[in-house]
Amino acid sequence: MIGIIGAMNVEIDRITAQMTNKSVQKIGGVTYTEGDIGDKKVVAAVCGIGKVFAAICAQTMILRYSPEVIINTGVAGTLTNELNILDTVVASALVQHDMDTTYFGDPRGLISGINKVEFECDEGLAEKICENISSRYIRGIIASGDAFIADENKKRDIKETFNAVCCEMEGAAIAHVCYVNNIKCCVVRTISDGADGDKVMSYEAFCEKAAEKSAQIIINTINNL
């Protein structure tokens, strides 16, 4: 079973449209669509925006559907000049840029109790995804937090603190849940905006195209597993 989570309908609709033998179940306000893509069993869900929604969805998916892997798909804002609009990032690891217990001497982003800053993606799964991308992509750290980043100073801060290449609002929470449940995880994001004030309008212009591109990459990967 392959689990797929996106924050918005536009990030998941293309995937559920490819499914056959579909069944739908609503749990905790989230709709889970189970079905087949080719000969693979898939469950996909739109979790909602932000880390809490993402974590709730991932944990419920694990308990109800027992996926072997969970892939988070969607859009992101670039933090580096290496990435242009509609380029793709396959995460090497995820960090929570808004987690901050530095007052106690901890490094920024540290998750207390498990003492991790970076949640590594499954390397084998990431390599399979990369094999199914036909356009420009990079591997790198993705930073997640409960804020839409649209400020150059914040953008620079996240990039310099975590060596992150892009930012979004759900991936690290999903990776966190997968880590504590020992589930393989990977995050795939296509760039929709520049994560700065001058380019916020690009999000509205490119969000749908970026989301559909990430979704198609996931479909291609599933068909070739």
Protein backbone atom coordinates (compact mmCIF):
# COMPACT_ATOMS: atom_id res chain seq x y z
CA MET A 1 0.00 0.00 0.00
CA ILE A 2 1.32 3.43 -1.01
CA GLY A 3 0.05 6.45 0.91
CA ILE A 4 -0.04 9.87 -0.73
CA ILE A 5 -0.81 13.12 1.10
CA GLY A 6 -1.28 16.64 -0.26
CA ALA A 7 -2.48 19.76 1.52
CA MET A 8 -4.88 20.92 -1.20
CA ASN A 9 -7.28 19.33 -3.66
CA VAL A 10 -5.20 20.54 -6.59
CA GLU A 11 -2.28 18.49 -5.24
CA ILE A 12 -4.25 15.22 -5.09
CA ASP A 13 -7.06 15.38 -7.69
CA ARG A 14 -4.86 14.18 -10.57
CA ILE A 15 -3.81 11.16 -8.51
CA THR A 16 -7.31 10.09 -7.47
CA ALA A 17 -8.46 10.57 -11.08
CA GLN A 18 -6.00 7.82 -12.08
CA MET A 19 -7.40 5.31 -9.58
CA THR A 20 -9.66 2.40 -10.39
CA ASN A 21 -11.73 0.33 -7.93
CA LYS A 22 -12.06 3.39 -5.72
CA SER A 23 -13.59 3.53 -2.26
CA VAL A 24 -13.89 6.62 -0.08
CA GLN A 25 -13.88 6.98 3.69
CA LYS A 26 -14.05 10.17 5.77
CA ILE A 27 -12.21 10.15 9.10
CA GLY A 28 -11.76 13.22 11.29
CA GLY A 29 -12.90 15.50 8.50
CA VAL A 30 -10.35 14.12 6.03
CA THR A 31 -11.44 12.11 2.98
CA TYR A 32 -9.26 9.08 2.19
CA THR A 33 -9.58 7.64 -1.32
CA GLU A 34 -8.36 4.06 -1.69
CA GLY A 35 -7.93 2.35 -5.04
CA ASP A 36 -5.56 0.99 -7.65
CA ILE A 37 -3.08 2.70 -9.93
CA GLY A 38 -2.01 -0.04 -12.32
CA ASP A 39 -1.26 -3.02 -10.10
CA LYS A 40 -0.42 -0.94 -7.01
CA LYS A 41 -2.70 -0.31 -4.04
CA VAL A 42 -2.87 3.40 -3.22
CA VAL A 43 -4.58 5.57 -0.62
CA ALA A 44 -4.60 9.35 -1.12
CA ALA A 45 -5.81 12.18 1.11
CA VAL A 46 -6.08 15.97 1.17
CA CYS A 47 -4.94 16.82 4.69
CA GLY A 48 -5.45 20.59 4.77
CA ILE A 49 -2.85 23.32 5.17
CA GLY A 50 -0.36 23.28 8.04
CA LYS A 51 1.62 20.88 10.19
CA VAL A 52 -1.17 19.83 12.57
CA PHE A 53 -3.55 18.81 9.77
CA ALA A 54 -0.67 17.02 8.05
CA ALA A 55 0.29 15.07 11.18
CA ILE A 56 -3.31 14.08 11.94
CA CYS A 57 -3.76 12.83 8.39
CA ALA A 58 -0.50 10.87 8.32
CA GLN A 59 -1.14 9.16 11.66
CA THR A 60 -4.71 8.25 10.71
CA MET A 61 -3.56 6.91 7.35
CA ILE A 62 -0.97 4.70 9.06
CA LEU A 63 -3.44 3.33 11.62
CA ARG A 64 -6.29 2.75 9.16
CA TYR A 65 -4.52 1.71 5.94
CA SER A 66 -1.06 0.46 7.03
CA PRO A 67 0.89 1.91 4.07
CA GLU A 68 4.44 0.71 3.52
CA VAL A 69 5.44 4.18 2.33
CA ILE A 70 3.96 7.68 2.47
CA ILE A 71 4.74 10.29 -0.17
CA ASN A 72 3.91 13.95 0.39
CA THR A 73 3.29 15.82 -2.87
CA GLY A 74 2.63 19.47 -3.63
CA VAL A 75 4.11 22.91 -4.15
CA ALA A 76 6.79 24.96 -2.39
CA GLY A 77 8.57 28.31 -2.40
CA THR A 78 12.20 28.35 -3.45
CA LEU A 79 14.92 29.49 -1.04
CA THR A 80 17.76 29.37 -3.56
CA ASN A 81 18.71 30.79 -6.94
CA GLU A 82 19.33 27.20 -8.06
CA LEU A 83 15.56 26.67 -8.34
CA ASN A 84 13.20 28.33 -10.78
CA ILE A 85 9.41 28.21 -11.02
CA LEU A 86 8.26 24.66 -11.97
CA ASP A 87 11.57 23.05 -11.01
CA THR A 88 11.13 20.10 -8.62
CA VAL A 89 12.72 19.21 -5.27
CA VAL A 90 12.96 15.64 -4.04
CA ALA A 91 13.72 15.94 -0.35
CA SER A 92 16.87 14.47 1.15
CA ALA A 93 15.56 15.46 4.59
CA LEU A 94 12.89 17.62 6.23
CA VAL A 95 13.18 20.20 9.03
CA GLN A 96 10.64 22.20 11.05
CA HIS A 97 11.92 25.76 10.77
CA ASP A 98 9.45 27.13 13.33
CA MET A 99 10.40 24.69 16.11
CA ASP A 100 12.52 26.72 18.52
CA THR A 101 13.74 25.73 21.98
CA THR A 102 17.06 27.56 21.61
CA TYR A 103 16.36 29.28 24.98
CA PHE A 104 17.33 25.96 26.59
CA GLY A 105 20.50 25.62 24.55
CA ASP A 106 19.00 23.39 21.85
CA PRO A 107 19.78 23.84 18.16
CA ARG A 108 16.92 25.46 16.28
CA GLY A 109 14.55 22.93 14.82
CA LEU A 110 15.31 20.24 17.40
CA ILE A 111 12.33 18.00 18.17
CA SER A 112 12.49 17.25 21.89
CA GLY A 113 12.12 13.65 22.99
CA ILE A 114 13.60 12.17 19.84
CA ASN A 115 16.43 14.71 19.57
CA LYS A 116 16.28 15.16 15.82
CA VAL A 117 16.45 18.24 13.64
CA GLU A 118 16.46 16.50 10.26
CA PHE A 119 14.05 13.75 9.25
CA GLU A 120 15.75 11.85 6.46
CA CYS A 121 13.76 10.57 3.49
CA ASP A 122 14.03 6.96 2.40
CA GLU A 123 16.90 6.94 -0.06
CA GLY A 124 15.63 4.06 -2.18
CA LEU A 125 12.22 5.65 -2.58
CA ALA A 126 13.78 9.03 -3.38
CA GLU A 127 15.96 7.45 -6.08
CA LYS A 128 12.92 5.77 -7.66
CA ILE A 129 11.11 9.10 -7.75
CA CYS A 130 14.11 10.85 -9.32
CA GLU A 131 14.21 8.21 -12.06
CA ASN A 132 10.70 9.26 -13.05
CA ILE A 133 11.30 13.00 -13.37
CA SER A 134 11.81 14.14 -16.94
CA SER A 135 12.47 17.83 -16.19
CA ARG A 136 14.85 19.76 -13.94
CA TYR A 137 15.04 18.76 -10.28
CA ILE A 138 17.44 18.82 -7.32
CA ARG A 139 17.79 16.87 -4.09
CA GLY A 140 17.90 18.94 -0.91
CA ILE A 141 16.54 19.80 2.51
CA ILE A 142 12.95 21.04 2.63
CA ALA A 143 11.88 23.28 5.52
CA SER A 144 8.32 23.21 6.85
CA GLY A 145 6.51 25.61 9.16
CA ASP A 146 3.13 27.10 9.91
CA ALA A 147 3.71 30.25 7.88
CA PHE A 148 3.58 31.19 4.20
CA ILE A 149 7.05 32.67 3.67
CA ALA A 150 6.89 35.90 1.68
CA ASP A 151 9.77 37.91 3.11
CA GLU A 152 13.39 38.03 1.96
CA ASN A 153 14.78 38.18 5.52
CA LYS A 154 12.82 35.13 6.66
CA LYS A 155 13.77 33.34 3.47
CA ARG A 156 17.48 34.04 4.08
CA ASP A 157 17.19 33.00 7.74
CA ILE A 158 15.65 29.60 6.93
CA LYS A 159 18.13 28.94 4.15
CA GLU A 160 21.18 29.83 6.26
CA THR A 161 20.01 28.07 9.44
CA PHE A 162 18.99 24.77 7.88
CA ASN A 163 20.74 24.74 4.48
CA ALA A 164 17.24 24.30 3.03
CA VAL A 165 16.45 24.75 -0.65
CA CYS A 166 12.69 25.34 -0.41
CA CYS A 167 9.92 25.83 2.14
CA GLU A 168 6.32 24.67 2.59
CA MET A 169 3.89 23.92 5.42
CA GLU A 170 3.39 20.15 5.82
CA GLY A 171 6.25 17.88 4.73
CA ALA A 172 8.31 17.80 7.93
CA ALA A 173 5.24 16.99 10.04
CA ILE A 174 4.49 14.00 7.80
CA ALA A 175 8.13 12.92 7.93
CA HIS A 176 8.06 13.26 11.74
CA VAL A 177 4.99 10.99 11.99
CA CYS A 178 6.53 8.47 9.60
CA TYR A 179 9.75 8.43 11.64
CA VAL A 180 8.05 7.57 14.94
CA ASN A 181 5.96 4.89 13.17
CA ASN A 182 8.92 3.43 11.22
CA ILE A 183 7.27 4.10 7.85
CA LYS A 184 9.27 4.97 4.74
CA CYS A 185 8.67 8.54 3.62
CA CYS A 186 9.58 10.95 0.84
CA VAL A 187 8.50 14.48 -0.06
CA VAL A 188 8.24 15.82 -3.61
CA ARG A 189 7.58 19.51 -4.20
CA THR A 190 7.48 21.59 -7.36
CA ILE A 191 8.30 25.28 -7.08
CA SER A 192 5.31 27.62 -7.37
CA ASP A 193 6.82 30.86 -6.05
CA GLY A 194 9.93 32.66 -4.91
CA ALA A 195 9.04 32.79 -1.18
CA ASP A 196 9.50 36.58 -1.21
CA GLY A 197 7.32 39.65 -1.31
CA ASP A 198 8.05 40.53 -4.92
CA LYS A 199 6.97 37.11 -6.19
CA VAL A 200 3.96 36.19 -4.08
CA MET A 201 1.70 36.72 -7.10
CA SER A 202 3.53 33.88 -8.85
CA TYR A 203 1.99 31.47 -6.34
CA GLU A 204 -1.50 32.14 -7.67
CA ALA A 205 -0.27 31.98 -11.25
CA PHE A 206 1.73 28.75 -10.96
CA CYS A 207 0.27 26.82 -8.01
CA GLU A 208 -1.96 24.59 -10.13
CA LYS A 209 0.72 23.82 -12.72
CA ALA A 210 3.29 23.08 -10.00
CA ALA A 211 0.88 20.85 -8.07
CA GLU A 212 -0.07 18.90 -11.17
CA LYS A 213 3.58 18.42 -12.08
CA SER A 214 4.38 16.93 -8.66
CA ALA A 215 1.31 14.69 -8.89
CA GLN A 216 2.32 13.42 -12.33
CA ILE A 217 5.77 12.56 -11.02
CA ILE A 218 4.15 10.45 -8.29
CA ILE A 219 1.88 8.71 -10.82
CA ASN A 220 4.86 7.96 -13.07
CA THR A 221 6.77 6.55 -10.11
CA ILE A 222 3.89 4.30 -9.01
CA ASN A 223 3.50 2.97 -12.54
CA ASN A 224 7.18 2.06 -12.65
CA LEU A 225 7.66 0.55 -9.20
